[in-house]
């Protein structure tokens, strides 16, 4: 069932969204060669709790951390660890959630660690562009599949592929709500977007082929061909004025 949000609920979602936005902004200066993923996780949890919020991910279906931190060929759901050090030339995707006033915010970005190759930088740039084009389609009267079509067309025109096993989602009082928001599809199909729909749009774009697999820890998802992957995500609201990004600060 899809839960459409009132204007008051969207403002509460914006508060949660600002916290995750500000958390990732705070982490930017810490994303340097030699830091552990556990250190980043500790910093993020401390900041979220300082804002009187709770980490959305910690304990969610047993996930043990505040952030999902995924490097290079790791697509999503990497578990922070004292044994995982960021290295010069890595790209690292950080996914963050926060829960406050009964609502969740969800936001992800991929960062360069030091100097990265032009190929990795282009992958990040294109994936961020895919997200922007997907958001542009989130207008009342459009179809949900218009979002995925825009993401897929952007990625594939650049020579990349989109992950199909993992999708965006509705968000609100629960971290994952209906509808699912694929990053692929044919335009003009499926749900007609209406004012009050709040969704997390999150392209996961692979430099190589689309195939992924989950590692034995049951969480970390990697590309099958071990080529790099990038991930960007915003929580957005569909309004009569068009899409509004709730995880973009205020």
Protein backbone atom coordinates (compact mmCIF):
# COMPACT_ATOMS: atom_id res chain seq x y z
CA UNK A 1 0.00 0.00 0.00
CA UNK A 2 1.23 3.48 -0.87
CA UNK A 3 0.98 6.13 1.84
CA UNK A 4 0.69 9.62 0.41
CA UNK A 5 2.03 12.32 2.72
CA UNK A 6 0.42 15.54 3.84
CA UNK A 7 2.27 18.86 3.67
CA UNK A 8 2.90 18.58 7.41
CA UNK A 9 4.38 15.11 7.02
CA UNK A 10 6.62 16.28 4.19
CA UNK A 11 8.03 18.99 6.46
CA UNK A 12 8.85 16.33 9.06
CA UNK A 13 10.50 14.25 6.35
CA UNK A 14 12.49 17.34 5.39
CA UNK A 15 13.86 17.55 8.94
CA UNK A 16 15.05 13.94 8.74
CA UNK A 17 16.41 14.62 5.28
CA UNK A 18 18.41 17.62 6.43
CA UNK A 19 20.07 15.54 9.14
CA UNK A 20 21.29 12.90 6.68
CA UNK A 21 22.38 15.61 4.25
CA UNK A 22 24.34 17.39 6.95
CA UNK A 23 25.84 14.11 8.13
CA UNK A 24 27.31 13.41 4.71
CA UNK A 25 28.54 16.99 4.37
CA UNK A 26 30.26 16.65 7.76
CA UNK A 27 31.98 13.44 6.64
CA UNK A 28 33.45 14.94 3.47
CA UNK A 29 36.59 16.30 5.14
CA UNK A 30 37.19 12.93 6.82
CA UNK A 31 37.12 10.89 3.61
CA UNK A 32 40.89 10.68 3.13
CA UNK A 33 43.39 7.87 2.52
CA UNK A 34 44.11 5.88 5.68
CA UNK A 35 40.86 6.42 7.56
CA UNK A 36 38.85 3.35 8.48
CA UNK A 37 35.25 2.89 7.52
CA UNK A 38 34.49 2.29 11.21
CA UNK A 39 35.77 5.78 12.07
CA UNK A 40 33.41 7.31 9.53
CA UNK A 41 30.56 5.28 10.98
CA UNK A 42 31.36 6.43 14.52
CA UNK A 43 31.45 10.07 13.44
CA UNK A 44 28.13 9.73 11.63
CA UNK A 45 26.35 8.09 14.54
CA UNK A 46 27.59 10.73 16.96
CA UNK A 47 26.39 13.53 14.69
CA UNK A 48 22.96 12.00 14.09
CA UNK A 49 22.40 11.48 17.81
CA UNK A 50 23.58 15.03 18.52
CA UNK A 51 20.60 16.17 16.40
CA UNK A 52 18.25 14.16 18.67
CA UNK A 53 17.70 11.62 15.89
CA UNK A 54 18.45 7.92 15.60
CA UNK A 55 20.34 6.08 12.86
CA UNK A 56 17.76 4.42 10.60
CA UNK A 57 20.03 1.60 9.49
CA UNK A 58 21.48 0.44 12.81
CA UNK A 59 19.62 -2.71 13.79
CA UNK A 60 17.45 -2.65 10.64
CA UNK A 61 16.98 -6.33 9.77
CA UNK A 62 20.07 -6.93 11.87
CA UNK A 63 22.38 -4.46 10.11
CA UNK A 64 25.10 -3.61 12.66
CA UNK A 65 26.07 -0.04 11.74
CA UNK A 66 24.89 3.51 11.10
CA UNK A 67 26.26 3.77 7.57
CA UNK A 68 26.54 1.48 4.59
CA UNK A 69 30.08 2.07 3.25
CA UNK A 70 30.95 0.42 -0.05
CA UNK A 71 34.21 0.77 -1.99
CA UNK A 72 35.01 0.36 -5.68
CA UNK A 73 33.32 -2.87 -6.89
CA UNK A 74 31.11 -2.92 -3.76
CA UNK A 75 27.70 -1.64 -4.84
CA UNK A 76 25.86 -1.24 -1.51
CA UNK A 77 25.52 -2.49 2.07
CA UNK A 78 29.19 -2.59 3.00
CA UNK A 79 29.57 -2.98 6.78
CA UNK A 80 31.99 -0.49 8.40
CA UNK A 81 35.04 -2.10 9.99
CA UNK A 82 38.26 -1.23 11.78
CA UNK A 83 39.97 -3.45 9.22
CA UNK A 84 38.76 -1.54 6.16
CA UNK A 85 41.01 1.41 5.29
CA UNK A 86 40.21 3.86 2.52
CA UNK A 87 43.02 4.01 -0.03
CA UNK A 88 44.15 6.66 -2.49
CA UNK A 89 42.21 6.22 -5.71
CA UNK A 90 39.22 4.44 -4.17
CA UNK A 91 35.68 5.55 -4.77
CA UNK A 92 33.47 5.02 -1.73
CA UNK A 93 29.67 5.06 -1.58
CA UNK A 94 28.17 6.14 1.73
CA UNK A 95 24.48 5.56 2.41
CA UNK A 96 22.96 7.21 5.49
CA UNK A 97 19.56 7.16 7.17
CA UNK A 98 18.14 9.08 10.12
CA UNK A 99 14.87 8.78 12.04
CA UNK A 100 13.29 11.70 13.89
CA UNK A 101 9.74 12.78 14.76
CA UNK A 102 8.48 9.45 13.43
CA UNK A 103 9.95 9.77 9.92
CA UNK A 104 13.04 8.63 8.03
CA UNK A 105 15.47 10.37 5.72
CA UNK A 106 17.68 8.40 3.29
CA UNK A 107 20.58 9.81 1.27
CA UNK A 108 23.68 8.44 -0.46
CA UNK A 109 26.70 9.80 -2.28
CA UNK A 110 29.83 8.37 -3.84
CA UNK A 111 33.10 10.12 -3.00
CA UNK A 112 36.59 10.13 -4.45
CA UNK A 113 39.33 9.19 -1.97
CA UNK A 114 42.23 11.44 -2.88
CA UNK A 115 42.92 11.43 -6.62
CA UNK A 116 40.95 8.95 -8.69
CA UNK A 117 41.28 7.92 -12.30
CA UNK A 118 39.34 9.85 -14.95
CA UNK A 119 37.33 6.68 -15.57
CA UNK A 120 36.14 6.51 -11.96
CA UNK A 121 35.40 10.24 -11.89
CA UNK A 122 33.32 9.94 -15.05
CA UNK A 123 31.36 7.04 -13.51
CA UNK A 124 30.53 9.19 -10.48
CA UNK A 125 29.60 12.18 -12.61
CA UNK A 126 27.32 10.15 -14.86
CA UNK A 127 25.61 8.44 -11.92
CA UNK A 128 24.92 11.79 -10.29
CA UNK A 129 23.50 12.98 -13.61
CA UNK A 130 21.30 9.87 -13.76
CA UNK A 131 19.86 10.81 -10.36
CA UNK A 132 19.18 14.39 -11.47
CA UNK A 133 17.38 13.20 -14.62
CA UNK A 134 15.33 10.71 -12.63
CA UNK A 135 14.28 13.41 -10.17
CA UNK A 136 13.25 15.67 -13.06
CA UNK A 137 10.62 13.08 -14.05
CA UNK A 138 8.95 13.08 -10.60
CA UNK A 139 6.04 15.34 -11.56
CA UNK A 140 2.35 14.66 -10.93
CA UNK A 141 0.86 12.96 -13.97
CA UNK A 142 4.06 11.25 -15.04
CA UNK A 143 4.50 7.52 -14.56
CA UNK A 144 6.81 5.84 -12.07
CA UNK A 145 8.54 4.07 -14.96
CA UNK A 146 9.50 7.46 -16.44
CA UNK A 147 12.02 7.79 -13.59
CA UNK A 148 13.67 4.45 -14.27
CA UNK A 149 13.65 5.04 -18.01
CA UNK A 150 15.51 8.34 -17.56
CA UNK A 151 18.10 6.74 -15.27
CA UNK A 152 18.67 3.77 -17.56
CA UNK A 153 18.94 5.90 -20.70
CA UNK A 154 21.50 8.19 -19.08
CA UNK A 155 23.64 5.31 -17.80
CA UNK A 156 23.54 3.20 -20.92
CA UNK A 157 24.20 6.13 -23.26
CA UNK A 158 27.46 6.59 -21.35
CA UNK A 159 28.38 2.94 -21.81
CA UNK A 160 27.44 1.83 -18.30
CA UNK A 161 24.80 -0.51 -16.86
CA UNK A 162 22.25 -0.18 -14.08
CA UNK A 163 21.77 -2.67 -11.26
CA UNK A 164 18.39 -4.38 -11.50
CA UNK A 165 18.30 -6.45 -8.32
CA UNK A 166 18.25 -3.34 -6.09
CA UNK A 167 15.81 -0.45 -6.39
CA UNK A 168 14.68 2.79 -4.82
CA UNK A 169 11.60 2.86 -2.62
CA UNK A 170 8.88 4.78 -0.89
CA UNK A 171 9.83 6.21 2.49
CA UNK A 172 8.04 7.73 5.47
CA UNK A 173 7.23 6.25 8.85
CA UNK A 174 8.99 3.14 7.60
CA UNK A 175 12.38 3.19 5.95
CA UNK A 176 11.15 1.10 3.03
CA UNK A 177 7.59 1.59 1.82
CA UNK A 178 5.75 1.03 -1.43
CA UNK A 179 6.31 1.67 -4.25
CA UNK A 180 9.55 0.18 -5.46
CA UNK A 181 11.42 2.56 -7.76
CA UNK A 182 13.50 0.65 -10.34
CA UNK A 183 16.37 2.32 -12.18
CA UNK A 184 15.26 0.87 -15.50
CA UNK A 185 12.10 0.35 -17.52
CA UNK A 186 9.96 1.64 -20.35
CA UNK A 187 8.47 5.11 -20.12
CA UNK A 188 4.76 5.66 -19.60
CA UNK A 189 4.01 2.56 -17.58
CA UNK A 190 2.91 1.71 -14.06
CA UNK A 191 1.89 4.01 -11.24
CA UNK A 192 0.80 7.54 -12.11
CA UNK A 193 2.65 9.93 -9.81
CA UNK A 194 0.49 12.01 -7.49
CA UNK A 195 1.12 14.85 -5.10
CA UNK A 196 2.19 13.58 -1.67
CA UNK A 197 4.24 10.63 -2.91
CA UNK A 198 7.64 10.53 -1.18
CA UNK A 199 10.29 8.24 -2.64
CA UNK A 200 14.00 7.57 -2.47
CA UNK A 201 15.48 7.56 -5.96
CA UNK A 202 18.87 5.84 -5.97
CA UNK A 203 20.70 4.93 -9.17
CA UNK A 204 23.36 2.23 -8.76
CA UNK A 205 25.46 2.32 -11.91
CA UNK A 206 28.18 -0.15 -12.86
CA UNK A 207 31.17 0.64 -15.02
CA UNK A 208 30.95 -2.87 -16.45
CA UNK A 209 28.08 -5.32 -16.68
CA UNK A 210 24.90 -5.11 -14.61
CA UNK A 211 25.29 -8.37 -12.73
CA UNK A 212 25.81 -8.33 -8.96
CA UNK A 213 26.11 -10.89 -6.17
CA UNK A 214 25.78 -10.82 -2.38
CA UNK A 215 28.81 -11.89 -0.34
CA UNK A 216 28.64 -14.56 2.38
CA UNK A 217 28.12 -11.94 5.12
CA UNK A 218 24.60 -11.61 3.73
CA UNK A 219 24.94 -7.85 3.25
CA UNK A 220 27.66 -6.60 0.94
CA UNK A 221 26.68 -6.57 -2.74
CA UNK A 222 29.46 -6.49 -5.33
CA UNK A 223 29.62 -6.39 -9.12
CA UNK A 224 30.11 -9.83 -10.64
CA UNK A 225 32.85 -8.58 -12.96
CA UNK A 226 34.50 -6.62 -10.10
CA UNK A 227 34.30 -3.36 -12.05
CA UNK A 228 33.57 -0.19 -10.00
CA UNK A 229 30.05 0.92 -9.15
CA UNK A 230 28.67 4.29 -8.03
CA UNK A 231 25.55 5.11 -5.99
CA UNK A 232 23.72 8.40 -5.45
CA UNK A 233 20.38 8.81 -3.67
CA UNK A 234 17.95 11.56 -2.68
CA UNK A 235 14.65 11.41 -0.84
CA UNK A 236 12.17 13.50 -2.83
CA UNK A 237 8.54 14.57 -2.58
CA UNK A 238 6.16 14.84 -5.53
CA UNK A 239 4.34 18.17 -5.21
CA UNK A 240 2.10 20.35 -7.35
CA UNK A 241 5.19 22.48 -8.01
CA UNK A 242 7.23 19.48 -9.12
CA UNK A 243 9.81 17.34 -7.33
CA UNK A 244 11.23 18.67 -4.06
CA UNK A 245 14.50 17.24 -2.75
CA UNK A 246 14.16 16.60 0.98
CA UNK A 247 17.79 15.53 1.49
CA UNK A 248 19.41 18.60 -0.01
CA UNK A 249 19.77 20.79 3.06
CA UNK A 250 17.61 23.84 3.76
